[in-house]
Amino acid sequence: MTGLIVMAVGAVVAAAGYVRFRGPWARYQALKAQDANVARYESWRGGLRDSGTTGASVAMDILRTQARQAGAIMIAGVAAIVVGLLLWR
C-alpha cells in the first residue's frame, strides 16, 4: 500500500515538473533560434554584432535555469516512482 502511495505522489511530482518544464523550454528554444538567425544575418552583413551581453542572452540564461529546475523536479518524481515500485514488491 505504501508503495502505491509513493508511486502516486511521484507521478504527480513528475507531471508537475513536466508542466513547469514546457513553458521555459519552448521560449528558450524560440530565443535560441532567433539569436542564431540574427547571428547569420550579422555575419552576412559583415560581422557587426558585438559579443556583449544582451537582454536575450540574459533571458536565455534565466529560462535555461528554470528548465533545469523543472527537470530536477521531474527526475525526483521518477525517482519516487521507482522507489514506490521497489516498496510495492
Protein backbone atom coordinates (compact mmCIF):
# COMPACT_ATOMS: atom_id res chain seq x y z
CA MET A 1 0.00 0.00 0.00
CA THR A 2 2.83 2.40 0.86
CA GLY A 3 4.47 1.73 -2.49
CA LEU A 4 1.32 2.71 -4.35
CA ILE A 5 1.09 5.98 -2.44
CA VAL A 6 4.75 6.78 -3.13
CA MET A 7 4.23 5.97 -6.84
CA ALA A 8 1.14 8.19 -6.99
CA VAL A 9 2.97 11.07 -5.34
CA GLY A 10 5.91 10.52 -7.69
CA ALA A 11 3.60 10.61 -10.71
CA VAL A 12 2.07 13.89 -9.53
CA VAL A 13 5.51 15.41 -8.90
CA ALA A 14 6.81 14.23 -12.30
CA ALA A 15 3.74 15.66 -14.04
CA ALA A 16 4.12 18.97 -12.21
CA GLY A 17 7.78 19.11 -13.24
CA TYR A 18 6.84 18.46 -16.85
CA VAL A 19 4.24 21.23 -16.81
CA ARG A 20 6.82 23.63 -15.35
CA PHE A 21 9.41 22.48 -17.91
CA ARG A 22 7.38 23.02 -21.09
CA GLY A 23 6.98 26.80 -20.96
CA PRO A 24 10.56 27.91 -20.30
CA TRP A 25 11.99 25.29 -22.65
CA ALA A 26 9.77 26.35 -25.56
CA ARG A 27 10.61 30.03 -25.01
CA TYR A 28 14.32 29.19 -24.69
CA GLN A 29 14.27 27.32 -27.99
CA ALA A 30 12.50 30.24 -29.68
CA LEU A 31 15.06 32.75 -28.36
CA LYS A 32 17.91 30.45 -29.37
CA ALA A 33 16.55 30.16 -32.91
CA GLN A 34 16.06 33.92 -33.09
CA ASP A 35 19.60 34.52 -31.83
CA ALA A 36 21.01 32.12 -34.43
CA ASN A 37 19.04 33.91 -37.13
CA VAL A 38 20.40 37.29 -36.03
CA ALA A 39 23.94 35.87 -35.95
CA ARG A 40 23.56 34.55 -39.51
CA TYR A 41 22.23 37.90 -40.68
CA GLU A 42 25.01 39.83 -38.98
CA SER A 43 27.69 37.57 -40.45
CA TRP A 44 26.15 38.01 -43.90
CA ARG A 45 26.08 41.74 -43.34
CA GLY A 46 29.70 41.95 -42.34
CA GLY A 47 30.02 40.90 -38.71
CA LEU A 48 28.65 44.00 -36.98
CA ARG A 49 27.49 42.08 -33.94
CA ASP A 50 29.47 42.51 -30.74
CA SER A 51 29.94 39.76 -28.17
CA GLY A 52 28.47 41.70 -25.24
CA THR A 53 25.65 40.62 -23.00
CA THR A 54 22.22 41.27 -24.45
CA GLY A 55 18.76 41.14 -22.95
CA ALA A 56 18.07 37.99 -24.94
CA SER A 57 21.16 36.23 -23.57
CA VAL A 58 20.13 37.11 -20.01
CA ALA A 59 16.61 35.84 -20.69
CA MET A 60 18.04 32.63 -22.17
CA ASP A 61 20.12 32.08 -19.02
CA ILE A 62 17.05 32.57 -16.82
CA LEU A 63 14.93 30.25 -18.97
CA ARG A 64 17.67 27.61 -19.00
CA THR A 65 17.84 27.77 -15.20
CA GLN A 66 14.06 27.43 -14.90
CA ALA A 67 14.09 24.46 -17.27
CA ARG A 68 16.89 22.80 -15.27
CA GLN A 69 14.96 23.24 -12.04
CA ALA A 70 11.82 21.77 -13.59
CA GLY A 71 13.88 18.89 -14.97
CA ALA A 72 15.18 18.19 -11.48
CA ILE A 73 11.59 18.10 -10.22
CA MET A 74 10.71 15.60 -12.96
CA ILE A 75 13.70 13.43 -12.04
CA ALA A 76 12.65 13.49 -8.38
CA GLY A 77 9.17 12.34 -9.41
CA VAL A 78 10.56 9.49 -11.49
CA ALA A 79 12.85 8.50 -8.62
CA ALA A 80 9.82 8.43 -6.30
CA ILE A 81 8.01 6.17 -8.77
CA VAL A 82 11.00 3.79 -8.81
CA VAL A 83 11.14 3.78 -5.01
CA GLY A 84 7.41 3.11 -4.93
CA LEU A 85 7.88 0.15 -7.26
CA LEU A 86 10.60 -1.23 -5.02
CA LEU A 87 8.41 -0.82 -1.92
CA TRP A 88 5.39 -2.35 -3.61
CA ARG A 89 7.08 -5.67 -4.28
